[in-house]
Each structure stands twice: as structure tokens, then as C-alpha cells.
C-alpha atoms as a PDB file:
ATOM      1  CA  UNK A   1    -114.943  16.915  15.827  1.00  0.00           C
ATOM      2  CA  UNK A   2    -117.130  13.955  15.773  1.00  0.00           C
ATOM      3  CA  UNK A   3    -115.224  10.743  17.136  1.00  0.00           C
ATOM      4  CA  UNK A   4    -116.735   7.148  17.156  1.00  0.00           C
ATOM      5  CA  UNK A   5    -115.480   3.733  17.050  1.00  0.00           C
ATOM      6  CA  UNK A   6    -115.164   1.799  13.777  1.00  0.00           C
ATOM      7  CA  UNK A   7    -115.858  -1.828  13.391  1.00  0.00           C
ATOM      8  CA  UNK A   8    -113.845  -3.588  10.815  1.00  0.00           C
ATOM      9  CA  UNK A   9    -116.002  -6.723   9.828  1.00  0.00           C
ATOM     10  CA  UNK A  10    -114.181  -9.591   7.965  1.00  0.00           C
ATOM     11  CA  UNK A  11    -114.236 -13.246   8.328  1.00  0.00           C
ATOM     12  CA  UNK A  12    -111.480 -15.522   8.538  1.00  0.00           C
ATOM     13  CA  UNK A  13    -111.277 -18.691   6.322  1.00  0.00           C
ATOM     14  CA  UNK A  14    -109.727 -22.012   7.532  1.00  0.00           C
ATOM     15  CA  UNK A  15    -109.909 -24.581   4.723  1.00  0.00           C
ATOM     16  CA  UNK A  16    -108.263 -27.993   4.439  1.00  0.00           C
ATOM     17  CA  UNK A  17    -107.993 -30.620   1.467  1.00  0.00           C
ATOM     18  CA  UNK A  18    -111.044 -30.762  -0.479  1.00  0.00           C
ATOM     19  CA  UNK A  19    -112.862 -28.674   1.841  1.00  0.00           C
ATOM     20  CA  UNK A  20    -110.537 -25.784   0.638  1.00  0.00           C
ATOM     21  CA  UNK A  21    -112.538 -22.771  -1.121  1.00  0.00           C
ATOM     22  CA  UNK A  22    -112.763 -22.678  -4.756  1.00  0.00           C
ATOM     23  CA  UNK A  23    -115.440 -21.316  -6.784  1.00  0.00           C
ATOM     24  CA  UNK A  24    -114.113 -22.721 -10.162  1.00  0.00           C
ATOM     25  CA  UNK A  25    -114.993 -26.421 -10.945  1.00  0.00           C
ATOM     26  CA  UNK A  26    -114.369 -28.626 -13.919  1.00  0.00           C
ATOM     27  CA  UNK A  27    -116.021 -31.900 -14.837  1.00  0.00           C
ATOM     28  CA  UNK A  28    -115.037 -34.808 -17.266  1.00  0.00           C
ATOM     29  CA  UNK A  29    -117.159 -37.663 -18.418  1.00  0.00           C
ATOM     30  CA  UNK A  30    -115.134 -41.040 -17.437  1.00  0.00           C
ATOM     31  CA  UNK A  31    -116.531 -43.389 -20.124  1.00  0.00           C
ATOM     32  CA  UNK A  32    -115.082 -46.966 -19.914  1.00  0.00           C
ATOM     33  CA  UNK A  33    -112.481 -46.490 -17.356  1.00  0.00           C
ATOM     34  CA  UNK A  34    -112.423 -47.316 -13.775  1.00  0.00           C
ATOM     35  CA  UNK A  35    -110.602 -44.746 -12.094  1.00  0.00           C
ATOM     36  CA  UNK A  36    -110.814 -40.838 -11.992  1.00  0.00           C
ATOM     37  CA  UNK A  37    -108.199 -38.355 -10.498  1.00  0.00           C
ATOM     38  CA  UNK A  38    -109.555 -35.259  -8.663  1.00  0.00           C
ATOM     39  CA  UNK A  39    -107.171 -32.476  -8.276  1.00  0.00           C
ATOM     40  CA  UNK A  40    -107.429 -30.798  -4.851  1.00  0.00           C
ATOM     41  CA  UNK A  41    -106.440 -27.166  -4.222  1.00  0.00           C
ATOM     42  CA  UNK A  42    -106.508 -26.544  -0.367  1.00  0.00           C
ATOM     43  CA  UNK A  43    -106.505 -23.029   1.237  1.00  0.00           C
ATOM     44  CA  UNK A  44    -105.275 -22.713   4.870  1.00  0.00           C
ATOM     45  CA  UNK A  45    -105.555 -19.078   6.206  1.00  0.00           C
ATOM     46  CA  UNK A  46    -107.336 -15.988   5.279  1.00  0.00           C
ATOM     47  CA  UNK A  47    -108.385 -15.369   1.442  1.00  0.00           C
ATOM     48  CA  UNK A  48    -108.279 -11.739   0.348  1.00  0.00           C
ATOM     49  CA  UNK A  49    -111.834 -10.841   0.046  1.00  0.00           C
ATOM     50  CA  UNK A  50    -111.157  -7.585  -1.224  1.00  0.00           C
ATOM     51  CA  UNK A  51    -110.002  -9.007  -4.511  1.00  0.00           C
ATOM     52  CA  UNK A  52    -112.974  -9.760  -6.815  1.00  0.00           C
ATOM     53  CA  UNK A  53    -111.010 -12.611  -8.460  1.00  0.00           C
ATOM     54  CA  UNK A  54    -110.589 -14.499  -5.154  1.00  0.00           C
ATOM     55  CA  UNK A  55    -111.793 -18.118  -5.313  1.00  0.00           C
ATOM     56  CA  UNK A  56    -114.263 -17.682  -2.240  1.00  0.00           C
ATOM     57  CA  UNK A  57    -117.815 -19.365  -3.287  1.00  0.00           C
ATOM     58  CA  UNK A  58    -120.414 -17.020  -4.481  1.00  0.00           C
ATOM     59  CA  UNK A  59    -122.673 -15.683  -1.510  1.00  0.00           C
ATOM     60  CA  UNK A  60    -120.541 -17.080   1.310  1.00  0.00           C
ATOM     61  CA  UNK A  61    -120.165 -14.804   4.322  1.00  0.00           C
ATOM     62  CA  UNK A  62    -116.354 -14.838   3.985  1.00  0.00           C
ATOM     63  CA  UNK A  63    -117.077 -11.994   1.212  1.00  0.00           C
ATOM     64  CA  UNK A  64    -118.394  -9.803   3.956  1.00  0.00           C
ATOM     65  CA  UNK A  65    -115.746  -6.811   4.669  1.00  0.00           C
ATOM     66  CA  UNK A  66    -117.382  -3.734   5.749  1.00  0.00           C
ATOM     67  CA  UNK A  67    -116.356  -0.695   8.060  1.00  0.00           C
ATOM     68  CA  UNK A  68    -119.128   0.446  10.196  1.00  0.00           C
ATOM     69  CA  UNK A  69    -119.477   3.237  12.711  1.00  0.00           C
ATOM     70  CA  UNK A  70    -120.405   1.257  15.950  1.00  0.00           C
ATOM     71  CA  UNK A  71    -120.665   3.814  18.601  1.00  0.00           C
ATOM     72  CA  UNK A  72    -123.267   6.352  17.779  1.00  0.00           C
ATOM     73  CA  UNK A  73    -125.652   8.642  19.539  1.00  0.00           C
ATOM     74  CA  UNK A  74    -128.803  10.734  19.514  1.00  0.00           C
ATOM     75  CA  UNK A  75    -130.199  13.755  21.212  1.00  0.00           C
ATOM     76  CA  UNK A  76    -132.698  16.171  21.664  1.00  0.00           C
ATOM     77  CA  UNK A  77    -132.803  19.968  20.403  1.00  0.00           C
ATOM     78  CA  UNK A  78    -132.946  22.867  22.894  1.00  0.00           C
ATOM     79  CA  UNK A  79    -134.905  24.729  20.088  1.00  0.00           C
ATOM     80  CA  UNK A  80    -137.588  22.141  20.075  1.00  0.00           C
ATOM     81  CA  UNK A  81    -137.777  22.137  23.912  1.00  0.00           C
ATOM     82  CA  UNK A  82    -136.325  18.466  23.596  1.00  0.00           C
ATOM     83  CA  UNK A  83    -139.015  17.172  21.476  1.00  0.00           C
ATOM     84  CA  UNK A  84    -137.275  16.808  18.299  1.00  0.00           C
ATOM     85  CA  UNK A  85    -134.371  14.019  18.283  1.00  0.00           C
ATOM     86  CA  UNK A  86    -131.548  14.230  15.820  1.00  0.00           C
ATOM     87  CA  UNK A  87    -127.925  13.192  15.522  1.00  0.00           C
ATOM     88  CA  UNK A  88    -124.475  13.511  13.778  1.00  0.00           C
ATOM     89  CA  UNK A  89    -123.871  11.374  10.657  1.00  0.00           C
ATOM     90  CA  UNK A  90    -122.507   8.073  10.524  1.00  0.00           C
ATOM     91  CA  UNK A  91    -121.478   5.624   7.908  1.00  0.00           C
ATOM     92  CA  UNK A  92    -121.046   2.102   6.482  1.00  0.00           C
ATOM     93  CA  UNK A  93    -118.570   1.301   3.821  1.00  0.00           C
ATOM     94  CA  UNK A  94    -118.105  -1.781   1.768  1.00  0.00           C
ATOM     95  CA  UNK A  95    -114.492  -3.188   1.285  1.00  0.00           C
ATOM     96  CA  UNK A  96    -115.168  -6.410  -0.416  1.00  0.00           C
ATOM     97  CA  UNK A  97    -114.635  -7.754  -3.839  1.00  0.00           C
ATOM     98  CA  UNK A  98    -118.282  -8.171  -3.740  1.00  0.00           C
ATOM     99  CA  UNK A  99    -121.457  -6.094  -3.416  1.00  0.00           C
ATOM    100  CA  UNK A 100    -123.269  -6.400  -0.057  1.00  0.00           C
ATOM    101  CA  UNK A 101    -126.892  -6.083   1.085  1.00  0.00           C
ATOM    102  CA  UNK A 102    -127.312  -4.539   4.379  1.00  0.00           C
ATOM    103  CA  UNK A 103    -130.479  -5.381   6.356  1.00  0.00           C
ATOM    104  CA  UNK A 104    -131.834  -3.572   9.594  1.00  0.00           C
ATOM    105  CA  UNK A 105    -131.871  -6.763  11.648  1.00  0.00           C
ATOM    106  CA  UNK A 106    -133.170  -5.916  15.204  1.00  0.00           C
ATOM    107  CA  UNK A 107    -133.130  -3.343  17.882  1.00  0.00           C
ATOM    108  CA  UNK A 108    -132.924  -3.907  21.658  1.00  0.00           C
ATOM    109  CA  UNK A 109    -133.303  -1.634  24.717  1.00  0.00           C
ATOM    110  CA  UNK A 110    -136.204  -0.073  26.672  1.00  0.00           C
ATOM    111  CA  UNK A 111    -137.683   3.172  25.273  1.00  0.00           C
ATOM    112  CA  UNK A 112    -139.135   5.554  27.917  1.00  0.00           C
ATOM    113  CA  UNK A 113    -138.968   8.992  26.802  1.00  0.00           C
ATOM    114  CA  UNK A 114    -138.144   8.055  22.907  1.00  0.00           C
ATOM    115  CA  UNK A 115    -141.511   8.034  20.910  1.00  0.00           C
ATOM    116  CA  UNK A 116    -140.229   7.558  17.572  1.00  0.00           C
ATOM    117  CA  UNK A 117    -136.775   7.052  16.201  1.00  0.00           C
ATOM    118  CA  UNK A 118    -135.581   6.341  12.635  1.00  0.00           C
ATOM    119  CA  UNK A 119    -132.313   5.389  11.081  1.00  0.00           C
ATOM    120  CA  UNK A 120    -132.369   7.732   8.228  1.00  0.00           C
ATOM    121  CA  UNK A 121    -130.266   7.410   5.000  1.00  0.00           C
ATOM    122  CA  UNK A 122    -128.048  10.315   3.764  1.00  0.00           C
ATOM    123  CA  UNK A 123    -127.436  11.063   0.129  1.00  0.00           C
ATOM    124  CA  UNK A 124    -123.943  10.174  -1.025  1.00  0.00           C
ATOM    125  CA  UNK A 125    -121.972  10.298  -4.365  1.00  0.00           C
ATOM    126  CA  UNK A 126    -121.845   8.085  -6.306  1.00  0.00           C
ATOM    127  CA  UNK A 127    -125.373   7.046  -5.711  1.00  0.00           C
ATOM    128  CA  UNK A 128    -126.260   3.615  -4.268  1.00  0.00           C
ATOM    129  CA  UNK A 129    -128.297   1.224  -6.246  1.00  0.00           C
ATOM    130  CA  UNK A 130    -131.586   1.356  -4.647  1.00  0.00           C
ATOM    131  CA  UNK A 131    -133.187   4.393  -3.013  1.00  0.00           C
ATOM    132  CA  UNK A 132    -133.009   3.501   0.539  1.00  0.00           C
ATOM    133  CA  UNK A 133    -135.802   4.740   2.899  1.00  0.00           C
ATOM    134  CA  UNK A 134    -135.913   5.620   6.642  1.00  0.00           C
ATOM    135  CA  UNK A 135    -136.647   2.717   8.843  1.00  0.00           C
ATOM    136  CA  UNK A 136    -138.488   3.325  11.972  1.00  0.00           C
ATOM    137  CA  UNK A 137    -136.443   1.565  14.853  1.00  0.00           C
ATOM    138  CA  UNK A 138    -138.717   2.824  17.575  1.00  0.00           C
ATOM    139  CA  UNK A 139    -142.432   3.192  16.599  1.00  0.00           C
ATOM    140  CA  UNK A 140    -145.054   4.622  19.041  1.00  0.00           C
ATOM    141  CA  UNK A 141    -142.672   3.722  21.867  1.00  0.00           C
ATOM    142  CA  UNK A 142    -142.282   0.185  20.738  1.00  0.00           C
ATOM    143  CA  UNK A 143    -139.137  -1.511  19.400  1.00  0.00           C
ATOM    144  CA  UNK A 144    -138.672  -2.417  15.679  1.00  0.00           C
ATOM    145  CA  UNK A 145    -138.731  -6.130  15.447  1.00  0.00           C
ATOM    146  CA  UNK A 146    -137.286  -7.518  12.421  1.00  0.00           C
ATOM    147  CA  UNK A 147    -137.007  -6.704   8.666  1.00  0.00           C
ATOM    148  CA  UNK A 148    -138.504  -8.767   5.834  1.00  0.00           C
ATOM    149  CA  UNK A 149    -135.475 -10.838   4.551  1.00  0.00           C
ATOM    150  CA  UNK A 150    -136.063 -10.212   0.880  1.00  0.00           C
ATOM    151  CA  UNK A 151    -135.712  -6.244   1.626  1.00  0.00           C
ATOM    152  CA  UNK A 152    -132.390  -4.930   2.077  1.00  0.00           C
ATOM    153  CA  UNK A 153    -132.176  -1.544   3.531  1.00  0.00           C
ATOM    154  CA  UNK A 154    -128.913  -0.443   1.544  1.00  0.00           C
ATOM    155  CA  UNK A 155    -127.333  -2.277  -1.357  1.00  0.00           C
ATOM    156  CA  UNK A 156    -123.739  -1.267  -1.714  1.00  0.00           C
ATOM    157  CA  UNK A 157    -121.322  -1.870  -4.590  1.00  0.00           C
ATOM    158  CA  UNK A 158    -118.035  -3.469  -4.161  1.00  0.00           C
ATOM    159  CA  UNK A 159    -114.657  -1.752  -3.637  1.00  0.00           C
ATOM    160  CA  UNK A 160    -114.406  -0.978  -7.132  1.00  0.00           C
ATOM    161  CA  UNK A 161    -117.756   0.740  -7.239  1.00  0.00           C
ATOM    162  CA  UNK A 162    -119.529  -2.422  -9.026  1.00  0.00           C
ATOM    163  CA  UNK A 163    -122.207  -4.849  -8.316  1.00  0.00           C
ATOM    164  CA  UNK A 164    -121.781  -6.856 -11.585  1.00  0.00           C
ATOM    165  CA  UNK A 165    -118.141  -7.636 -11.431  1.00  0.00           C
ATOM    166  CA  UNK A 166    -116.341  -6.431 -14.542  1.00  0.00           C
ATOM    167  CA  UNK A 167    -119.429  -4.277 -15.629  1.00  0.00           C
ATOM    168  CA  UNK A 168    -117.626  -1.029 -15.231  1.00  0.00           C
ATOM    169  CA  UNK A 169    -120.518   0.411 -13.218  1.00  0.00           C
ATOM    170  CA  UNK A 170    -120.051   3.462 -10.820  1.00  0.00           C
ATOM    171  CA  UNK A 171    -122.405   2.750  -7.937  1.00  0.00           C
ATOM    172  CA  UNK A 172    -122.069   3.749  -4.392  1.00  0.00           C
ATOM    173  CA  UNK A 173    -119.953   1.487  -2.104  1.00  0.00           C
ATOM    174  CA  UNK A 174    -120.693   3.830   0.895  1.00  0.00           C
ATOM    175  CA  UNK A 175    -123.714   5.040   2.819  1.00  0.00           C
ATOM    176  CA  UNK A 176    -124.163   7.675   5.551  1.00  0.00           C
ATOM    177  CA  UNK A 177    -126.948   7.766   8.010  1.00  0.00           C
ATOM    178  CA  UNK A 178    -128.260   9.747  10.931  1.00  0.00           C
ATOM    179  CA  UNK A 179    -131.058   9.292  13.465  1.00  0.00           C
ATOM    180  CA  UNK A 180    -134.445  11.548  13.460  1.00  0.00           C
ATOM    181  CA  UNK A 181    -137.344  11.140  15.915  1.00  0.00           C
ATOM    182  CA  UNK A 182    -139.484  12.500  18.632  1.00  0.00           C
ATOM    183  CA  UNK A 183    -139.619  12.154  22.411  1.00  0.00           C
ATOM    184  CA  UNK A 184    -142.515  11.636  24.708  1.00  0.00           C
ATOM    185  CA  UNK A 185    -143.584  12.251  28.398  1.00  0.00           C
ATOM    186  CA  UNK A 186    -140.444  14.288  29.208  1.00  0.00           C
ATOM    187  CA  UNK A 187    -139.555  14.461  32.573  1.00  0.00           C
ATOM    188  CA  UNK A 188    -139.889  17.884  34.363  1.00  0.00           C
ATOM    189  CA  UNK A 189    -136.244  18.580  34.606  1.00  0.00           C
ATOM    190  CA  UNK A 190    -135.557  17.938  30.956  1.00  0.00           C
ATOM    191  CA  UNK A 191    -134.684  21.623  30.325  1.00  0.00           C
ATOM    192  CA  UNK A 192    -131.605  21.283  32.705  1.00  0.00           C
ATOM    193  CA  UNK A 193    -130.848  17.596  32.817  1.00  0.00           C
ATOM    194  CA  UNK A 194    -130.015  14.908  30.401  1.00  0.00           C
ATOM    195  CA  UNK A 195    -131.349  11.356  30.805  1.00  0.00           C
ATOM    196  CA  UNK A 196    -129.816   8.475  28.999  1.00  0.00           C
ATOM    197  CA  UNK A 197    -131.731   5.789  27.042  1.00  0.00           C
ATOM    198  CA  UNK A 198    -129.395   3.061  25.525  1.00  0.00           C
ATOM    199  CA  UNK A 199    -130.226   0.721  22.692  1.00  0.00           C
ATOM    200  CA  UNK A 200    -128.533  -1.635  20.414  1.00  0.00           C
ATOM    201  CA  UNK A 201    -129.164  -1.837  16.788  1.00  0.00           C
ATOM    202  CA  UNK A 202    -128.171  -4.957  14.773  1.00  0.00           C
ATOM    203  CA  UNK A 203    -127.303  -4.801  10.872  1.00  0.00           C
ATOM    204  CA  UNK A 204    -127.086  -7.875   8.919  1.00  0.00           C
ATOM    205  CA  UNK A 205    -124.573  -8.011   6.111  1.00  0.00           C
ATOM    206  CA  UNK A 206    -125.163 -10.548   3.109  1.00  0.00           C
ATOM    207  CA  UNK A 207    -122.884 -10.883   0.105  1.00  0.00           C
ATOM    208  CA  UNK A 208    -124.166 -10.302  -3.443  1.00  0.00           C
ATOM    209  CA  UNK A 209    -123.013 -12.669  -6.119  1.00  0.00           C
ATOM    210  CA  UNK A 210    -120.825 -11.649  -8.966  1.00  0.00           C
ATOM    211  CA  UNK A 211    -123.697 -11.270 -11.267  1.00  0.00           C
ATOM    212  CA  UNK A 212    -124.730  -8.258  -9.235  1.00  0.00           C
ATOM    213  CA  UNK A 213    -128.170  -9.748  -8.570  1.00  0.00           C
ATOM    214  CA  UNK A 214    -128.402 -12.882  -6.278  1.00  0.00           C
ATOM    215  CA  UNK A 215    -128.146 -12.141  -2.829  1.00  0.00           C
ATOM    216  CA  UNK A 216    -126.463 -14.884  -0.518  1.00  0.00           C
ATOM    217  CA  UNK A 217    -125.796 -18.415  -1.563  1.00  0.00           C
END
């Protein structure tokens, strides 16, 4: 049985007075009067970012709420004489009331016997909006640096399977992935002994606004 840790990513909100979070505003024209009253609705404590109607400003990080496998592993296969790299399947799931764009942010570590390594999305149902592709996180023995900010790796619907809130869509809120790759310059004892290589892969999450199109603020 595959076991791994889960990271429950959510953000706590602390607001006071007119800095309290509200996505709803009204405006009145004050013509010929010298005073105007402003209603203040403050919020102290954590708002429910799983509820699409919660008054968190659009695009704020406070909408981010994902469950992510954070302890993952890859290995070489005996059948390939330890040339081919593969792994178990892991997942990321959106729990938020808003969609989320997922970026492959960066990779750290020191490749020695790893020549190529890709984070490889797996088909899921319902399908997520875009067609995600494999991202090379080690390329020819060199670490992946940083993704283009306008190109999310995954676009996940909200907890109700919607990107545009209230649209009745049925899009994927969960994605699965594994690792595929190739080794290089294997040690002479690779057939009888395993050597560890440790990396940290950073994913970045950005909230998608209620219209299902605009990413971030």
C-alpha cells in the first residue's frame, strides 16, 4: 500500500475594521451634503474559503485550499537495468470555492545519476480544463529553473467542479501525477545497491477569479 504525507494548504485571515475582507462594495453620490457615512464590516478569524459565496476579495491567496501529496519518491527499474525512472502516482486536489492555477515553480537538489526527470500528469475524470503536459524538472542533468508565469501547469476547478462560479460546469478539481525519467553514469554496484538522490519540487498555487478566467488579482 502506498503511504505518503498530505499537506493541507490553507491561509488564515486576520482582518480588523475597514481592513476586513469584503468583495462587495456600493457607492453613493453625495451631492450638496458635507458628511457621508461608511458602513464597516470587519472579520476577525478564518473565513470559509471552501464556500464560493464567502466575501474574500477575488484573486487573493486566502482562497487557496489544496490537498497535496508532499512525500513522493521515484526509483529505477530492474527490467531496464536501472536506466528507466518511474514512480507511484500522487495527487493534488482543490478544496476551495474558487478554481486554482498550479505552476511548477522550481526544483532544488543535486543531480548525479539522474539525467532526465519529468513530472507527468495522469488522466482523471472529470477532465481538468487544460491539457497538462509533462514538465522536465531535470533536463540533461541540469535542474529546471522556473516556469513562465503565464503558463500554469494545471488548472483545477473549485470544490463544486466549476471554474466559472454558478455555471454548472463539470470540470476536474483533482489531478494525479507521477515521475518518469532516465538515469546516467550508473555506479558499478547499481544492480545490488541503491543510491539516494534527494530533491525539493516547489509548486505555486494562484486563485482563479469567479469568472473562471482571470488568474490572481
